[in-house]
């Protein structure tokens, strides 16, 4: 079964999505976008906007790493 074709009550869920892709393809980050849309339809709340990474872009990966570190409580204070 396709899990995303089912409707679940995920209203108590907070999430973030890392979408990996290559912008030279027509369906850039399609799977990450589909997961994000499905989670929203099921009532989950995005704690952060979806981070889309184009061809291993170091800036986008750094942004994701900062989100993960913040979530884990390991964020370094800004100087």
C-alpha atoms as a PDB file:
ATOM      1  CA  UNK A   1       0.000   0.000   0.000  1.00  0.00           C
ATOM      2  CA  UNK A   2       1.018   3.557  -0.631  1.00  0.00           C
ATOM      3  CA  UNK A   3       1.199   5.099   2.856  1.00  0.00           C
ATOM      4  CA  UNK A   4       0.715   8.612   1.522  1.00  0.00           C
ATOM      5  CA  UNK A   5      -2.591   7.644  -0.073  1.00  0.00           C
ATOM      6  CA  UNK A   6      -3.974   7.067   3.432  1.00  0.00           C
ATOM      7  CA  UNK A   7      -5.272   9.777   5.728  1.00  0.00           C
ATOM      8  CA  UNK A   8      -3.884   9.708   9.273  1.00  0.00           C
ATOM      9  CA  UNK A   9      -4.386  12.033  12.232  1.00  0.00           C
ATOM     10  CA  UNK A  10      -0.919  13.465  12.690  1.00  0.00           C
ATOM     11  CA  UNK A  11      -2.091  16.666  14.376  1.00  0.00           C
ATOM     12  CA  UNK A  12       0.229  16.056  17.333  1.00  0.00           C
ATOM     13  CA  UNK A  13       3.296  15.760  15.073  1.00  0.00           C
ATOM     14  CA  UNK A  14       5.813  18.536  14.504  1.00  0.00           C
ATOM     15  CA  UNK A  15       8.257  17.875  11.666  1.00  0.00           C
ATOM     16  CA  UNK A  16      10.886  19.217   9.289  1.00  0.00           C
ATOM     17  CA  UNK A  17      11.705  17.924   5.803  1.00  0.00           C
ATOM     18  CA  UNK A  18      15.026  17.767   3.998  1.00  0.00           C
ATOM     19  CA  UNK A  19      14.354  17.382   0.270  1.00  0.00           C
ATOM     20  CA  UNK A  20      17.268  16.270  -1.874  1.00  0.00           C
ATOM     21  CA  UNK A  21      17.315  16.852  -5.603  1.00  0.00           C
ATOM     22  CA  UNK A  22      18.912  18.149  -8.741  1.00  0.00           C
ATOM     23  CA  UNK A  23      17.287  21.164 -10.359  1.00  0.00           C
ATOM     24  CA  UNK A  24      18.181  19.911 -13.828  1.00  0.00           C
ATOM     25  CA  UNK A  25      15.396  17.307 -13.432  1.00  0.00           C
ATOM     26  CA  UNK A  26      11.752  18.225 -14.066  1.00  0.00           C
ATOM     27  CA  UNK A  27      10.585  16.859 -10.727  1.00  0.00           C
ATOM     28  CA  UNK A  28      13.145  18.601  -8.550  1.00  0.00           C
ATOM     29  CA  UNK A  29      12.816  17.519  -4.884  1.00  0.00           C
ATOM     30  CA  UNK A  30       9.519  15.826  -5.753  1.00  0.00           C
ATOM     31  CA  UNK A  31       9.616  13.162  -3.039  1.00  0.00           C
ATOM     32  CA  UNK A  32      10.419  15.658  -0.276  1.00  0.00           C
ATOM     33  CA  UNK A  33       7.637  17.938  -1.512  1.00  0.00           C
ATOM     34  CA  UNK A  34       5.189  15.009  -1.591  1.00  0.00           C
ATOM     35  CA  UNK A  35       6.047  14.025   1.985  1.00  0.00           C
ATOM     36  CA  UNK A  36       5.709  17.637   3.143  1.00  0.00           C
ATOM     37  CA  UNK A  37       2.302  17.996   1.437  1.00  0.00           C
ATOM     38  CA  UNK A  38       1.062  14.675   2.874  1.00  0.00           C
ATOM     39  CA  UNK A  39       2.153  15.556   6.405  1.00  0.00           C
ATOM     40  CA  UNK A  40       0.325  18.887   6.141  1.00  0.00           C
ATOM     41  CA  UNK A  41      -2.834  17.189   4.799  1.00  0.00           C
ATOM     42  CA  UNK A  42      -2.712  14.857   7.814  1.00  0.00           C
ATOM     43  CA  UNK A  43      -2.635  17.832  10.169  1.00  0.00           C
ATOM     44  CA  UNK A  44       1.044  17.771  11.151  1.00  0.00           C
ATOM     45  CA  UNK A  45       2.770  21.083  11.793  1.00  0.00           C
ATOM     46  CA  UNK A  46       5.994  22.042  10.055  1.00  0.00           C
ATOM     47  CA  UNK A  47       8.407  23.324  12.689  1.00  0.00           C
ATOM     48  CA  UNK A  48      10.535  24.777   9.886  1.00  0.00           C
ATOM     49  CA  UNK A  49      10.100  25.393   6.174  1.00  0.00           C
ATOM     50  CA  UNK A  50      11.188  22.528   3.926  1.00  0.00           C
ATOM     51  CA  UNK A  51      14.906  22.689   3.115  1.00  0.00           C
ATOM     52  CA  UNK A  52      15.551  21.835  -0.538  1.00  0.00           C
ATOM     53  CA  UNK A  53      19.087  20.834  -1.464  1.00  0.00           C
ATOM     54  CA  UNK A  54      20.102  21.241  -5.100  1.00  0.00           C
ATOM     55  CA  UNK A  55      22.942  18.902  -6.059  1.00  0.00           C
ATOM     56  CA  UNK A  56      24.457  18.737  -2.544  1.00  0.00           C
ATOM     57  CA  UNK A  57      24.523  22.543  -2.184  1.00  0.00           C
ATOM     58  CA  UNK A  58      26.729  23.243   0.857  1.00  0.00           C
ATOM     59  CA  UNK A  59      24.688  26.302   1.936  1.00  0.00           C
ATOM     60  CA  UNK A  60      21.429  24.340   2.057  1.00  0.00           C
ATOM     61  CA  UNK A  61      23.125  21.438   3.833  1.00  0.00           C
ATOM     62  CA  UNK A  62      24.562  23.867   6.394  1.00  0.00           C
ATOM     63  CA  UNK A  63      21.094  25.298   6.985  1.00  0.00           C
ATOM     64  CA  UNK A  64      19.759  21.776   7.598  1.00  0.00           C
ATOM     65  CA  UNK A  65      22.657  20.945   9.903  1.00  0.00           C
ATOM     66  CA  UNK A  66      21.938  24.083  11.940  1.00  0.00           C
ATOM     67  CA  UNK A  67      18.280  23.044  12.298  1.00  0.00           C
ATOM     68  CA  UNK A  68      19.275  19.566  13.458  1.00  0.00           C
ATOM     69  CA  UNK A  69      21.796  20.969  15.944  1.00  0.00           C
ATOM     70  CA  UNK A  70      19.184  23.398  17.289  1.00  0.00           C
ATOM     71  CA  UNK A  71      16.668  20.580  17.655  1.00  0.00           C
ATOM     72  CA  UNK A  72      19.261  18.427  19.450  1.00  0.00           C
ATOM     73  CA  UNK A  73      20.158  21.298  21.756  1.00  0.00           C
ATOM     74  CA  UNK A  74      23.690  21.530  20.387  1.00  0.00           C
ATOM     75  CA  UNK A  75      23.461  24.860  18.623  1.00  0.00           C
ATOM     76  CA  UNK A  76      26.469  27.094  19.056  1.00  0.00           C
ATOM     77  CA  UNK A  77      25.721  30.634  20.233  1.00  0.00           C
ATOM     78  CA  UNK A  78      25.992  33.363  17.590  1.00  0.00           C
ATOM     79  CA  UNK A  79      28.937  35.743  17.954  1.00  0.00           C
END
